[in-house]
PDB file of N, CA and C in Angstrom:
ATOM      1  N   MET A   1      35.016  49.044 -29.367  1.00  0.00           N
ATOM      2  CA  MET A   1      35.040  50.483 -29.185  1.00  0.00           C
ATOM      3  C   MET A   1      34.491  51.191 -30.417  1.00  0.00           C
ATOM      4  N   LEU A   2      34.783  50.656 -31.600  1.00  0.00           N
ATOM      5  CA  LEU A   2      34.281  51.273 -32.833  1.00  0.00           C
ATOM      6  C   LEU A   2      32.759  51.236 -32.868  1.00  0.00           C
ATOM      7  N   VAL A   3      32.189  50.089 -32.575  1.00  0.00           N
ATOM      8  CA  VAL A   3      30.720  49.948 -32.593  1.00  0.00           C
ATOM      9  C   VAL A   3      30.098  50.812 -31.507  1.00  0.00           C
ATOM     10  N   LEU A   4      30.697  50.824 -30.329  1.00  0.00           N
ATOM     11  CA  LEU A   4      30.196  51.645 -29.237  1.00  0.00           C
ATOM     12  C   LEU A   4      30.187  53.125 -29.629  1.00  0.00           C
ATOM     13  N   GLY A   5      31.294  53.600 -30.165  1.00  0.00           N
ATOM     14  CA  GLY A   5      31.376  54.993 -30.592  1.00  0.00           C
ATOM     15  C   GLY A   5      30.406  55.312 -31.712  1.00  0.00           C
ATOM     16  N   PHE A   6      30.252  54.381 -32.660  1.00  0.00           N
ATOM     17  CA  PHE A   6      29.338  54.597 -33.785  1.00  0.00           C
ATOM     18  C   PHE A   6      27.909  54.800 -33.292  1.00  0.00           C
ATOM     19  N   PHE A   7      27.444  53.905 -32.455  1.00  0.00           N
ATOM     20  CA  PHE A   7      26.066  53.998 -31.992  1.00  0.00           C
ATOM     21  C   PHE A   7      25.866  55.122 -30.982  1.00  0.00           C
ATOM     22  N   PHE A   8      26.860  55.361 -30.150  1.00  0.00           N
ATOM     23  CA  PHE A   8      26.726  56.426 -29.159  1.00  0.00           C
ATOM     24  C   PHE A   8      26.634  57.784 -29.835  1.00  0.00           C
ATOM     25  N   HIS A   9      27.559  58.076 -30.733  1.00  0.00           N
ATOM     26  CA  HIS A   9      27.542  59.380 -31.400  1.00  0.00           C
ATOM     27  C   HIS A   9      26.391  59.478 -32.394  1.00  0.00           C
ATOM     28  N   GLY A  10      25.997  58.384 -32.985  1.00  0.00           N
ATOM     29  CA  GLY A  10      24.838  58.393 -33.874  1.00  0.00           C
ATOM     30  C   GLY A  10      23.556  58.708 -33.137  1.00  0.00           C
ATOM     31  N   SER A  11      23.419  58.173 -31.943  1.00  0.00           N
ATOM     32  CA  SER A  11      22.205  58.461 -31.169  1.00  0.00           C
ATOM     33  C   SER A  11      22.176  59.915 -30.727  1.00  0.00           C
ATOM     34  N   MET A  12      23.312  60.464 -30.378  1.00  0.00           N
ATOM     35  CA  MET A  12      23.341  61.874 -29.967  1.00  0.00           C
ATOM     36  C   MET A  12      23.012  62.790 -31.142  1.00  0.00           C
ATOM     37  N   ALA A  13      23.537  62.480 -32.310  1.00  0.00           N
ATOM     38  CA  ALA A  13      23.219  63.291 -33.493  1.00  0.00           C
ATOM     39  C   ALA A  13      21.735  63.166 -33.844  1.00  0.00           C
ATOM     40  N   GLY A  14      21.184  61.982 -33.696  1.00  0.00           N
ATOM     41  CA  GLY A  14      19.759  61.784 -33.968  1.00  0.00           C
ATOM     42  C   GLY A  14      18.873  62.568 -33.014  1.00  0.00           C
ATOM     43  N   LEU A  15      19.237  62.589 -31.746  1.00  0.00           N
ATOM     44  CA  LEU A  15      18.451  63.359 -30.784  1.00  0.00           C
ATOM     45  C   LEU A  15      18.547  64.854 -31.058  1.00  0.00           C
ATOM     46  N   GLN A  16      19.719  65.329 -31.448  1.00  0.00           N
ATOM     47  CA  GLN A  16      19.849  66.750 -31.754  1.00  0.00           C
ATOM     48  C   GLN A  16      19.041  67.128 -32.987  1.00  0.00           C
ATOM     49  N   ALA A  17      18.942  66.233 -33.938  1.00  0.00           N
ATOM     50  CA  ALA A  17      18.158  66.528 -35.136  1.00  0.00           C
ATOM     51  C   ALA A  17      16.657  66.484 -34.858  1.00  0.00           C
ATOM     52  N   LEU A  18      16.228  65.622 -33.967  1.00  0.00           N
ATOM     53  CA  LEU A  18      14.802  65.482 -33.678  1.00  0.00           C
ATOM     54  C   LEU A  18      14.316  66.359 -32.529  1.00  0.00           C
ATOM     55  N   ALA A  19      15.222  66.913 -31.747  1.00  0.00           N
ATOM     56  CA  ALA A  19      14.826  67.697 -30.570  1.00  0.00           C
ATOM     57  C   ALA A  19      13.935  68.888 -30.894  1.00  0.00           C
ATOM     58  N   PRO A  20      14.194  69.666 -31.940  1.00  0.00           N
ATOM     59  CA  PRO A  20      13.317  70.820 -32.195  1.00  0.00           C
ATOM     60  C   PRO A  20      11.857  70.431 -32.433  1.00  0.00           C
ATOM     61  N   GLN A  21      11.601  69.232 -32.912  1.00  0.00           N
ATOM     62  CA  GLN A  21      10.228  68.796 -33.140  1.00  0.00           C
ATOM     63  C   GLN A  21       9.506  68.484 -31.831  1.00  0.00           C
ATOM     64  N   SER A  22      10.243  68.352 -30.749  1.00  0.00           N
ATOM     65  CA  SER A  22       9.658  67.973 -29.466  1.00  0.00           C
ATOM     66  C   SER A  22       9.115  69.156 -28.679  1.00  0.00           C
ATOM     67  N   PHE A  23       9.454  70.354 -29.104  1.00  0.00           N
ATOM     68  CA  PHE A  23       9.072  71.531 -28.345  1.00  0.00           C
ATOM     69  C   PHE A  23       8.179  72.433 -29.194  1.00  0.00           C
ATOM     70  N   PRO A  24       7.219  73.113 -28.556  1.00  0.00           N
ATOM     71  CA  PRO A  24       6.424  74.086 -29.317  1.00  0.00           C
ATOM     72  C   PRO A  24       7.311  75.253 -29.765  1.00  0.00           C
ATOM     73  N   THR A  25       6.892  75.949 -30.781  1.00  0.00           N
ATOM     74  CA  THR A  25       7.704  77.017 -31.350  1.00  0.00           C
ATOM     75  C   THR A  25       8.089  78.058 -30.306  1.00  0.00           C
ATOM     76  N   SER A  26       7.193  78.390 -29.423  1.00  0.00           N
ATOM     77  CA  SER A  26       7.478  79.426 -28.424  1.00  0.00           C
ATOM     78  C   SER A  26       8.551  79.011 -27.420  1.00  0.00           C
ATOM     79  N   ALA A  27       8.791  77.716 -27.253  1.00  0.00           N
ATOM     80  CA  ALA A  27       9.780  77.232 -26.279  1.00  0.00           C
ATOM     81  C   ALA A  27      10.899  76.436 -26.927  1.00  0.00           C
ATOM     82  N   ARG A  28      10.992  76.478 -28.242  1.00  0.00           N
ATOM     83  CA  ARG A  28      11.956  75.620 -28.945  1.00  0.00           C
ATOM     84  C   ARG A  28      13.397  75.952 -28.588  1.00  0.00           C
ATOM     85  N   ALA A  29      13.770  77.211 -28.587  1.00  0.00           N
ATOM     86  CA  ALA A  29      15.160  77.579 -28.289  1.00  0.00           C
ATOM     87  C   ALA A  29      15.524  77.206 -26.856  1.00  0.00           C
ATOM     88  N   THR A  30      14.623  77.468 -25.923  1.00  0.00           N
ATOM     89  CA  THR A  30      14.883  77.122 -24.525  1.00  0.00           C
ATOM     90  C   THR A  30      14.965  75.619 -24.338  1.00  0.00           C
ATOM     91  N   GLY A  31      14.079  74.875 -24.989  1.00  0.00           N
ATOM     92  CA  GLY A  31      14.080  73.420 -24.851  1.00  0.00           C
ATOM     93  C   GLY A  31      15.333  72.782 -25.408  1.00  0.00           C
ATOM     94  N   VAL A  32      15.740  73.195 -26.603  1.00  0.00           N
ATOM     95  CA  VAL A  32      16.941  72.611 -27.212  1.00  0.00           C
ATOM     96  C   VAL A  32      18.184  73.024 -26.428  1.00  0.00           C
ATOM     97  N   SER A  33      18.226  74.277 -25.965  1.00  0.00           N
ATOM     98  CA  SER A  33      19.376  74.719 -25.167  1.00  0.00           C
ATOM     99  C   SER A  33      19.449  73.975 -23.838  1.00  0.00           C
ATOM    100  N   SER A  34      18.301  73.709 -23.239  1.00  0.00           N
ATOM    101  CA  SER A  34      18.281  72.937 -21.997  1.00  0.00           C
ATOM    102  C   SER A  34      18.766  71.517 -22.237  1.00  0.00           C
ATOM    103  N   MET A  35      18.394  70.948 -23.391  1.00  0.00           N
ATOM    104  CA  MET A  35      18.860  69.614 -23.741  1.00  0.00           C
ATOM    105  C   MET A  35      20.389  69.602 -23.854  1.00  0.00           C
ATOM    106  N   HIS A  36      20.951  70.629 -24.471  1.00  0.00           N
ATOM    107  CA  HIS A  36      22.405  70.710 -24.597  1.00  0.00           C
ATOM    108  C   HIS A  36      23.067  70.896 -23.232  1.00  0.00           C
ATOM    109  N   ALA A  37      22.448  71.674 -22.347  1.00  0.00           N
ATOM    110  CA  ALA A  37      23.012  71.882 -21.010  1.00  0.00           C
ATOM    111  C   ALA A  37      23.057  70.573 -20.230  1.00  0.00           C
ATOM    112  N   VAL A  38      21.978  69.789 -20.313  1.00  0.00           N
ATOM    113  CA  VAL A  38      21.958  68.491 -19.635  1.00  0.00           C
ATOM    114  C   VAL A  38      23.032  67.577 -20.218  1.00  0.00           C
ATOM    115  N   GLY A  39      23.213  67.643 -21.526  1.00  0.00           N
ATOM    116  CA  GLY A  39      24.254  66.843 -22.168  1.00  0.00           C
ATOM    117  C   GLY A  39      25.654  67.227 -21.711  1.00  0.00           C
ATOM    118  N   ARG A  40      25.884  68.523 -21.534  1.00  0.00           N
ATOM    119  CA  ARG A  40      27.197  68.973 -21.055  1.00  0.00           C
ATOM    120  C   ARG A  40      27.447  68.504 -19.622  1.00  0.00           C
ATOM    121  N   VAL A  41      26.420  68.596 -18.795  1.00  0.00           N
ATOM    122  CA  VAL A  41      26.565  68.120 -17.415  1.00  0.00           C
ATOM    123  C   VAL A  41      26.843  66.615 -17.418  1.00  0.00           C
ATOM    124  N   GLY A  42      26.149  65.889 -18.284  1.00  0.00           N
ATOM    125  CA  GLY A  42      26.403  64.453 -18.398  1.00  0.00           C
ATOM    126  C   GLY A  42      27.821  64.148 -18.848  1.00  0.00           C
ATOM    127  N   ALA A  43      28.359  64.966 -19.748  1.00  0.00           N
ATOM    128  CA  ALA A  43      29.743  64.761 -20.197  1.00  0.00           C
ATOM    129  C   ALA A  43      30.734  64.969 -19.061  1.00  0.00           C
ATOM    130  N   ILE A  44      30.461  65.932 -18.200  1.00  0.00           N
ATOM    131  CA  ILE A  44      31.342  66.183 -17.058  1.00  0.00           C
ATOM    132  C   ILE A  44      31.234  65.053 -16.042  1.00  0.00           C
ATOM    133  N   VAL A  45      29.996  64.657 -15.727  1.00  0.00           N
ATOM    134  CA  VAL A  45      29.774  63.621 -14.717  1.00  0.00           C
ATOM    135  C   VAL A  45      30.279  62.267 -15.202  1.00  0.00           C
ATOM    136  N   SER A  46      30.242  62.033 -16.516  1.00  0.00           N
ATOM    137  CA  SER A  46      30.658  60.722 -17.027  1.00  0.00           C
ATOM    138  C   SER A  46      32.124  60.418 -16.741  1.00  0.00           C
ATOM    139  N   GLY A  47      32.982  61.433 -16.820  1.00  0.00           N
ATOM    140  CA  GLY A  47      34.389  61.213 -16.491  1.00  0.00           C
ATOM    141  C   GLY A  47      34.579  60.852 -15.032  1.00  0.00           C
ATOM    142  N   ILE A  48      33.858  61.536 -14.179  1.00  0.00           N
ATOM    143  CA  ILE A  48      33.936  61.258 -12.741  1.00  0.00           C
ATOM    144  C   ILE A  48      33.384  59.863 -12.447  1.00  0.00           C
ATOM    145  N   LEU A  49      32.234  59.547 -13.045  1.00  0.00           N
ATOM    146  CA  LEU A  49      31.609  58.247 -12.818  1.00  0.00           C
ATOM    147  C   LEU A  49      32.468  57.101 -13.371  1.00  0.00           C
ATOM    148  N   GLY A  50      33.066  57.312 -14.543  1.00  0.00           N
ATOM    149  CA  GLY A  50      33.952  56.282 -15.102  1.00  0.00           C
ATOM    150  C   GLY A  50      35.137  55.983 -14.193  1.00  0.00           C
ATOM    151  N   GLY A  51      35.733  57.045 -13.654  1.00  0.00           N
ATOM    152  CA  GLY A  51      36.839  56.850 -12.707  1.00  0.00           C
ATOM    153  C   GLY A  51      36.390  56.145 -11.443  1.00  0.00           C
ATOM    154  N   ALA A  52      35.188  56.486 -10.977  1.00  0.00           N
ATOM    155  CA  ALA A  52      34.669  55.837  -9.768  1.00  0.00           C
ATOM    156  C   ALA A  52      34.396  54.359 -10.014  1.00  0.00           C
ATOM    157  N   LEU A  53      33.836  54.035 -11.192  1.00  0.00           N
ATOM    158  CA  LEU A  53      33.559  52.620 -11.495  1.00  0.00           C
ATOM    159  C   LEU A  53      34.841  51.804 -11.558  1.00  0.00           C
ATOM    160  N   ILE A  54      35.862  52.363 -12.165  1.00  0.00           N
ATOM    161  CA  ILE A  54      37.155  51.656 -12.207  1.00  0.00           C
ATOM    162  C   ILE A  54      37.713  51.520 -10.796  1.00  0.00           C
ATOM    163  N   GLY A  55      37.568  52.564  -9.991  1.00  0.00           N
ATOM    164  CA  GLY A  55      38.031  52.514  -8.602  1.00  0.00           C
ATOM    165  C   GLY A  55      37.283  51.487  -7.765  1.00  0.00           C
ATOM    166  N   TRP A  56      36.020  51.243  -8.094  1.00  0.00           N
ATOM    167  CA  TRP A  56      35.218  50.265  -7.372  1.00  0.00           C
ATOM    168  C   TRP A  56      35.462  48.838  -7.839  1.00  0.00           C
ATOM    169  N   GLY A  57      36.348  48.666  -8.806  1.00  0.00           N
ATOM    170  CA  GLY A  57      36.713  47.326  -9.244  1.00  0.00           C
ATOM    171  C   GLY A  57      35.930  46.794 -10.435  1.00  0.00           C
ATOM    172  N   TRP A  58      35.139  47.629 -11.109  1.00  0.00           N
ATOM    173  CA  TRP A  58      34.426  47.172 -12.302  1.00  0.00           C
ATOM    174  C   TRP A  58      35.440  46.919 -13.409  1.00  0.00           C
ATOM    175  N   ASP A  59      35.272  45.824 -14.141  1.00  0.00           N
ATOM    176  CA  ASP A  59      36.134  45.630 -15.304  1.00  0.00           C
ATOM    177  C   ASP A  59      35.465  46.276 -16.522  1.00  0.00           C
ATOM    178  N   PHE A  60      36.216  46.337 -17.616  1.00  0.00           N
ATOM    179  CA  PHE A  60      35.736  47.089 -18.775  1.00  0.00           C
ATOM    180  C   PHE A  60      34.481  46.483 -19.400  1.00  0.00           C
ATOM    181  N   SER A  61      34.311  45.176 -19.325  1.00  0.00           N
ATOM    182  CA  SER A  61      33.101  44.581 -19.897  1.00  0.00           C
ATOM    183  C   SER A  61      31.859  45.030 -19.122  1.00  0.00           C
ATOM    184  N   GLN A  62      31.973  45.152 -17.813  1.00  0.00           N
ATOM    185  CA  GLN A  62      30.849  45.632 -17.015  1.00  0.00           C
ATOM    186  C   GLN A  62      30.549  47.110 -17.310  1.00  0.00           C
ATOM    187  N   ILE A  63      31.586  47.892 -17.492  1.00  0.00           N
ATOM    188  CA  ILE A  63      31.394  49.314 -17.799  1.00  0.00           C
ATOM    189  C   ILE A  63      30.743  49.471 -19.164  1.00  0.00           C
ATOM    190  N   PHE A  64      31.194  48.705 -20.156  1.00  0.00           N
ATOM    191  CA  PHE A  64      30.593  48.798 -21.493  1.00  0.00           C
ATOM    192  C   PHE A  64      29.139  48.334 -21.478  1.00  0.00           C
ATOM    193  N   PHE A  65      28.851  47.324 -20.691  1.00  0.00           N
ATOM    194  CA  PHE A  65      27.457  46.891 -20.567  1.00  0.00           C
ATOM    195  C   PHE A  65      26.608  47.985 -19.933  1.00  0.00           C
ATOM    196  N   ALA A  66      27.141  48.659 -18.925  1.00  0.00           N
ATOM    197  CA  ALA A  66      26.425  49.760 -18.287  1.00  0.00           C
ATOM    198  C   ALA A  66      26.219  50.911 -19.274  1.00  0.00           C
ATOM    199  N   LEU A  67      27.169  51.137 -20.168  1.00  0.00           N
ATOM    200  CA  LEU A  67      27.016  52.182 -21.181  1.00  0.00           C
ATOM    201  C   LEU A  67      25.953  51.836 -22.216  1.00  0.00           C
ATOM    202  N   ALA A  68      25.663  50.562 -22.383  1.00  0.00           N
ATOM    203  CA  ALA A  68      24.656  50.159 -23.364  1.00  0.00           C
ATOM    204  C   ALA A  68      23.247  50.563 -22.917  1.00  0.00           C
ATOM    205  N   ILE A  69      23.016  50.662 -21.635  1.00  0.00           N
ATOM    206  CA  ILE A  69      21.675  50.990 -21.131  1.00  0.00           C
ATOM    207  C   ILE A  69      21.242  52.389 -21.569  1.00  0.00           C
ATOM    208  N   PRO A  70      22.057  53.451 -21.371  1.00  0.00           N
ATOM    209  CA  PRO A  70      21.619  54.761 -21.853  1.00  0.00           C
ATOM    210  C   PRO A  70      21.477  54.822 -23.381  1.00  0.00           C
ATOM    211  N   MET A  71      22.292  54.047 -24.094  1.00  0.00           N
ATOM    212  CA  MET A  71      22.165  54.039 -25.554  1.00  0.00           C
ATOM    213  C   MET A  71      20.850  53.403 -25.991  1.00  0.00           C
ATOM    214  N   LEU A  72      20.417  52.358 -25.305  1.00  0.00           N
ATOM    215  CA  LEU A  72      19.124  51.760 -25.630  1.00  0.00           C
ATOM    216  C   LEU A  72      17.973  52.709 -25.312  1.00  0.00           C
ATOM    217  N   ILE A  73      18.094  53.438 -24.206  1.00  0.00           N
ATOM    218  CA  ILE A  73      17.080  54.431 -23.863  1.00  0.00           C
ATOM    219  C   ILE A  73      17.053  55.533 -24.920  1.00  0.00           C
ATOM    220  N   CYS A  74      18.220  55.951 -25.364  1.00  0.00           N
ATOM    221  CA  CYS A  74      18.325  56.981 -26.397  1.00  0.00           C
ATOM    222  C   CYS A  74      17.726  56.486 -27.713  1.00  0.00           C
ATOM    223  N   ALA A  75      18.000  55.247 -28.084  1.00  0.00           N
ATOM    224  CA  ALA A  75      17.426  54.687 -29.309  1.00  0.00           C
ATOM    225  C   ALA A  75      15.910  54.621 -29.230  1.00  0.00           C
ATOM    226  N   ALA A  76      15.387  54.258 -28.070  1.00  0.00           N
ATOM    227  CA  ALA A  76      13.930  54.224 -27.896  1.00  0.00           C
ATOM    228  C   ALA A  76      13.340  55.627 -27.992  1.00  0.00           C
ATOM    229  N   ALA A  77      14.036  56.614 -27.419  1.00  0.00           N
ATOM    230  CA  ALA A  77      13.550  58.001 -27.488  1.00  0.00           C
ATOM    231  C   ALA A  77      13.537  58.501 -28.924  1.00  0.00           C
ATOM    232  N   ILE A  78      14.583  58.195 -29.685  1.00  0.00           N
ATOM    233  CA  ILE A  78      14.627  58.597 -31.090  1.00  0.00           C
ATOM    234  C   ILE A  78      13.487  57.937 -31.856  1.00  0.00           C
ATOM    235  N   ALA A  79      13.237  56.664 -31.596  1.00  0.00           N
ATOM    236  CA  ALA A  79      12.156  55.955 -32.290  1.00  0.00           C
ATOM    237  C   ALA A  79      10.796  56.560 -31.948  1.00  0.00           C
ATOM    238  N   VAL A  80      10.569  56.870 -30.673  1.00  0.00           N
ATOM    239  CA  VAL A  80       9.286  57.447 -30.265  1.00  0.00           C
ATOM    240  C   VAL A  80       9.097  58.825 -30.888  1.00  0.00           C
ATOM    241  N   ILE A  81      10.126  59.662 -30.835  1.00  0.00           N
ATOM    242  CA  ILE A  81      10.027  61.004 -31.414  1.00  0.00           C
ATOM    243  C   ILE A  81       9.825  60.916 -32.918  1.00  0.00           C
ATOM    244  N   GLY A  82      10.553  60.021 -33.572  1.00  0.00           N
ATOM    245  CA  GLY A  82      10.397  59.863 -35.017  1.00  0.00           C
ATOM    246  C   GLY A  82       9.022  59.366 -35.404  1.00  0.00           C
ATOM    247  N   LEU A  83       8.495  58.397 -34.664  1.00  0.00           N
ATOM    248  CA  LEU A  83       7.148  57.898 -34.955  1.00  0.00           C
ATOM    249  C   LEU A  83       6.092  58.957 -34.674  1.00  0.00           C
ATOM    250  N   ARG A  84       6.274  59.681 -33.583  1.00  0.00           N
ATOM    251  CA  ARG A  84       5.310  60.717 -33.243  1.00  0.00           C
ATOM    252  C   ARG A  84       5.281  61.822 -34.299  1.00  0.00           C
ATOM    253  N   SER A  85       6.444  62.185 -34.828  1.00  0.00           N
ATOM    254  CA  SER A  85       6.471  63.242 -35.842  1.00  0.00           C
ATOM    255  C   SER A  85       5.910  62.749 -37.170  1.00  0.00           C
ATOM    256  N   SER A  86       6.009  61.451 -37.454  1.00  0.00           N
ATOM    257  CA  SER A  86       5.452  60.939 -38.708  1.00  0.00           C
ATOM    258  C   SER A  86       3.934  60.820 -38.634  1.00  0.00           C
ATOM    259  N   TRP A  87       3.376  60.789 -37.409  1.00  0.00           N
ATOM    260  CA  TRP A  87       1.924  60.708 -37.252  1.00  0.00           C
ATOM    261  C   TRP A  87       1.254  62.070 -37.375  1.00  0.00           C
ATOM    262  N   LYS A  88       2.029  63.140 -37.236  1.00  0.00           N
ATOM    263  CA  LYS A  88       1.457  64.475 -37.309  1.00  0.00           C
ATOM    264  C   LYS A  88       1.000  64.753 -38.737  1.00  0.00           C
ATOM    265  N   VAL A  89      -0.145  65.403 -38.857  1.00  0.00           N
ATOM    266  CA  VAL A  89      -0.697  65.760 -40.165  1.00  0.00           C
ATOM    267  C   VAL A  89      -0.681  67.271 -40.270  1.00  0.00           C
ATOM    268  N   SER A  90      -0.267  67.754 -41.406  1.00  0.00           N
ATOM    269  CA  SER A  90      -0.230  69.192 -41.633  1.00  0.00           C
ATOM    270  C   SER A  90      -1.649  69.753 -41.594  1.00  0.00           C
ATOM    271  N   PRO A  91      -1.890  70.844 -40.851  1.00  0.00           N
ATOM    272  CA  PRO A  91      -3.247  71.380 -40.765  1.00  0.00           C
ATOM    273  C   PRO A  91      -3.732  72.000 -42.075  1.00  0.00           C
ATOM    274  N   THR A  92      -2.824  72.328 -42.984  1.00  0.00           N
ATOM    275  CA  THR A  92      -3.253  72.935 -44.247  1.00  0.00           C
ATOM    276  C   THR A  92      -3.325  71.918 -45.377  1.00  0.00           C
ATOM    277  N   ALA A  93      -2.945  70.691 -45.105  1.00  0.00           N
ATOM    278  CA  ALA A  93      -2.974  69.670 -46.155  1.00  0.00           C
ATOM    279  C   ALA A  93      -4.421  69.284 -46.447  1.00  0.00           C
ATOM    280  N   PRO A  94      -4.794  69.161 -47.731  1.00  0.00           N
ATOM    281  CA  PRO A  94      -6.165  68.744 -48.035  1.00  0.00           C
ATOM    282  C   PRO A  94      -6.385  67.309 -47.605  1.00  0.00           C
ATOM    283  N   PRO A  95      -7.591  66.954 -47.186  1.00  0.00           N
ATOM    284  CA  PRO A  95      -7.866  65.584 -46.760  1.00  0.00           C
ATOM    285  C   PRO A  95      -7.784  64.620 -47.939  1.00  0.00           C
ATOM    286  N   ALA A  96      -7.740  63.334 -47.608  1.00  0.00           N
ATOM    287  CA  ALA A  96      -7.689  62.308 -48.644  1.00  0.00           C
ATOM    288  C   ALA A  96      -8.924  62.424 -49.528  1.00  0.00           C
ATOM    289  N   GLY A  97      -8.772  62.199 -50.803  1.00  0.00           N
ATOM    290  CA  GLY A  97      -9.887  62.310 -51.747  1.00  0.00           C
ATOM    291  C   GLY A  97      -9.886  63.642 -52.478  1.00  0.00           C
ATOM    292  N   GLY A  98      -9.003  64.558 -52.066  1.00  0.00           N
ATOM    293  CA  GLY A  98      -8.858  65.812 -52.773  1.00  0.00           C
ATOM    294  C   GLY A  98      -9.888  66.871 -52.438  1.00  0.00           C
ATOM    295  N   GLN A  99     -10.806  66.619 -51.528  1.00  0.00           N
ATOM    296  CA  GLN A  99     -11.802  67.625 -51.174  1.00  0.00           C
ATOM    297  C   GLN A  99     -11.189  68.618 -50.201  1.00  0.00           C
ATOM    298  N   VAL A 100     -11.400  69.873 -50.477  1.00  0.00           N
ATOM    299  CA  VAL A 100     -10.842  70.923 -49.643  1.00  0.00           C
ATOM    300  C   VAL A 100     -11.950  71.532 -48.813  1.00  0.00           C
ATOM    301  N   HIS A 101     -11.719  71.661 -47.536  1.00  0.00           N
ATOM    302  CA  HIS A 101     -12.694  72.277 -46.634  1.00  0.00           C
ATOM    303  C   HIS A 101     -12.861  73.746 -47.038  1.00  0.00           C
ATOM    304  N   PRO A 102     -14.096  74.314 -46.965  1.00  0.00           N
ATOM    305  CA  PRO A 102     -14.313  75.693 -47.412  1.00  0.00           C
ATOM    306  C   PRO A 102     -13.408  76.721 -46.734  1.00  0.00           C
ATOM    307  N   VAL A 103     -13.060  76.502 -45.465  1.00  0.00           N
ATOM    308  CA  VAL A 103     -12.192  77.456 -44.772  1.00  0.00           C
ATOM    309  C   VAL A 103     -10.789  77.423 -45.354  1.00  0.00           C
ATOM    310  N   ASN A 104     -10.315  76.254 -45.775  1.00  0.00           N
ATOM    311  CA  ASN A 104      -8.962  76.110 -46.310  1.00  0.00           C
ATOM    312  C   ASN A 104      -8.891  76.362 -47.811  1.00  0.00           C
ATOM    313  N   ARG A 105      -9.985  76.688 -48.463  1.00  0.00           N
ATOM    314  CA  ARG A 105      -9.978  76.863 -49.906  1.00  0.00           C
ATOM    315  C   ARG A 105      -9.022  77.961 -50.346  1.00  0.00           C
ATOM    316  N   LEU A 106      -8.945  79.048 -49.575  1.00  0.00           N
ATOM    317  CA  LEU A 106      -8.076  80.150 -49.953  1.00  0.00           C
ATOM    318  C   LEU A 106      -6.607  79.811 -49.702  1.00  0.00           C
ATOM    319  N   ALA A 107      -6.346  78.917 -48.761  1.00  0.00           N
ATOM    320  CA  ALA A 107      -4.965  78.584 -48.414  1.00  0.00           C
ATOM    321  C   ALA A 107      -4.329  77.655 -49.436  1.00  0.00           C
ATOM    322  N   THR A 108      -5.110  76.915 -50.232  1.00  0.00           N
ATOM    323  CA  THR A 108      -4.529  75.958 -51.163  1.00  0.00           C
ATOM    324  C   THR A 108      -4.442  76.501 -52.558  1.00  0.00           C
TER     325      THR A 108
END
């Protein structure tokens, strides 16, 4: 349970930290708020689904294994978002070699 909670809450915190980078500035507030709304709905449905799984005869090892699938998807999403943001290059950064384009000369 400790490891499950550690990775589950860590992945949620990671997605919340990386979510603003996934949306353009004009839609950032709506995108992050929509992400939180989906998360709240998931929190409500998870209690119902957990009760249903126990009612259907699933034992706890099967339920924990089923919980690992969304965590792996979340970890992959964090990795993709993190890699994608590290590939972005600042448009005002001078190119390698220190040469500044004439249009950007005033900006640097």
